[in-house]
Protein backbone atom coordinates (compact mmCIF):
# COMPACT_ATOMS: atom_id res chain seq x y z
CA MET A 1 10.27 -114.93 71.59
CA LEU A 2 7.67 -112.48 72.82
CA LEU A 3 9.74 -109.53 71.58
CA ARG A 4 9.97 -111.12 68.14
CA LEU A 5 6.20 -111.53 67.97
CA PHE A 6 5.73 -107.96 69.12
CA GLY A 7 8.22 -106.82 66.48
CA ALA A 8 6.36 -108.73 63.76
CA ALA A 9 3.10 -107.15 64.93
CA LEU A 10 4.69 -103.70 64.72
CA ILE A 11 5.82 -104.42 61.16
CA CYS A 12 2.23 -105.22 60.21
CA ILE A 13 0.85 -102.23 62.10
CA SER A 14 3.21 -99.87 60.29
CA ALA A 15 1.37 -100.59 57.04
CA ALA A 16 -1.96 -99.79 58.69
CA VAL A 17 -1.00 -96.13 58.97
CA TYR A 18 -1.21 -95.56 55.21
CA PRO A 19 -5.04 -95.47 55.05
CA LEU A 20 -4.83 -92.73 57.67
CA ILE A 21 -2.79 -90.66 55.23
CA GLY A 22 -5.53 -91.09 52.62
CA ALA A 23 -8.19 -90.10 55.14
CA ILE A 24 -6.23 -86.96 55.98
CA ALA A 25 -5.90 -86.11 52.30
CA ILE A 26 -9.65 -86.30 51.59
CA ASN A 27 -10.72 -84.59 54.81
CA SER A 28 -12.26 -81.23 53.95
CA TYR A 29 -11.89 -79.80 57.46
CA PHE A 30 -8.10 -79.42 57.13
CA SER A 31 -6.32 -76.74 55.17
CA VAL A 32 -3.66 -77.73 52.64
CA THR A 33 -0.92 -76.89 55.12
CA GLU A 34 -2.53 -78.96 57.86
CA LYS A 35 -2.98 -81.88 55.46
CA ALA A 36 0.72 -81.73 54.56
CA ILE A 37 1.79 -81.57 58.20
CA TYR A 38 -0.51 -84.34 59.43
CA SER A 39 0.28 -86.61 56.47
CA SER A 40 4.01 -86.11 57.01
CA LEU A 41 3.66 -86.91 60.70
CA ALA A 42 1.66 -90.07 59.95
CA TYR A 43 4.24 -91.13 57.35
CA GLY A 44 7.10 -90.56 59.78
CA LEU A 45 5.23 -92.45 62.49
CA SER A 46 4.79 -95.37 60.12
CA TRP A 47 8.53 -95.51 59.45
CA LEU A 48 9.37 -95.31 63.14
CA ILE A 49 7.00 -98.17 63.90
CA LEU A 50 8.47 -100.21 61.03
CA LEU A 51 12.07 -99.67 62.14
CA LEU A 52 11.24 -100.49 65.75
CA GLY A 53 9.46 -103.65 64.59
CA VAL A 54 12.45 -104.72 62.48
CA PHE A 55 14.77 -104.08 65.41
CA LEU A 56 12.64 -106.12 67.80
CA ALA A 57 11.87 -108.90 65.32
CA GLY A 58 15.50 -109.58 64.60
CA PRO A 59 17.10 -110.48 61.29
CA GLU A 60 15.93 -114.10 61.33
CA LEU A 61 12.25 -113.24 61.52
CA VAL A 62 12.58 -110.49 58.92
CA ALA A 63 14.27 -112.97 56.55
CA LYS A 64 11.48 -115.48 57.21
CA LEU A 65 8.78 -112.88 56.48
CA LYS A 66 10.60 -111.91 53.30
CA SER A 67 10.74 -115.55 52.12
CA ILE A 68 7.02 -116.02 52.87
CA TYR A 69 6.27 -112.86 50.86
CA GLU A 70 8.38 -114.08 47.92
CA ASN A 71 6.65 -117.50 47.93
CA LEU A 72 3.22 -115.86 48.04
CA LYS A 73 4.15 -113.44 45.27
CA ASN A 74 5.39 -116.32 43.09
CA LYS A 75 2.15 -118.25 43.63
CA VAL A 76 -0.09 -115.27 42.90
CA PHE A 77 1.82 -114.00 39.87
CA ARG A 78 2.80 -117.40 38.47
CA ARG A 79 3.82 -117.11 34.85
CA ASN A 80 2.55 -119.79 32.50
């Protein structure tokens, strides 16, 4: 159970890396090459964290998170 919770936390943390990519892009201290390298590394890190989280969370928890997302999306974007 603890591994599943840790996996779910990793899934959420993987999305938190994307603001870092934006911060790298607007940073004036880096050259264009450095921005490309650091952004690519952050993007790859995000995917590694996501895949590790999915592996640890297991298919049941991932399916549950997906159903919660679908229900939330249907409530927010309800068509009249």
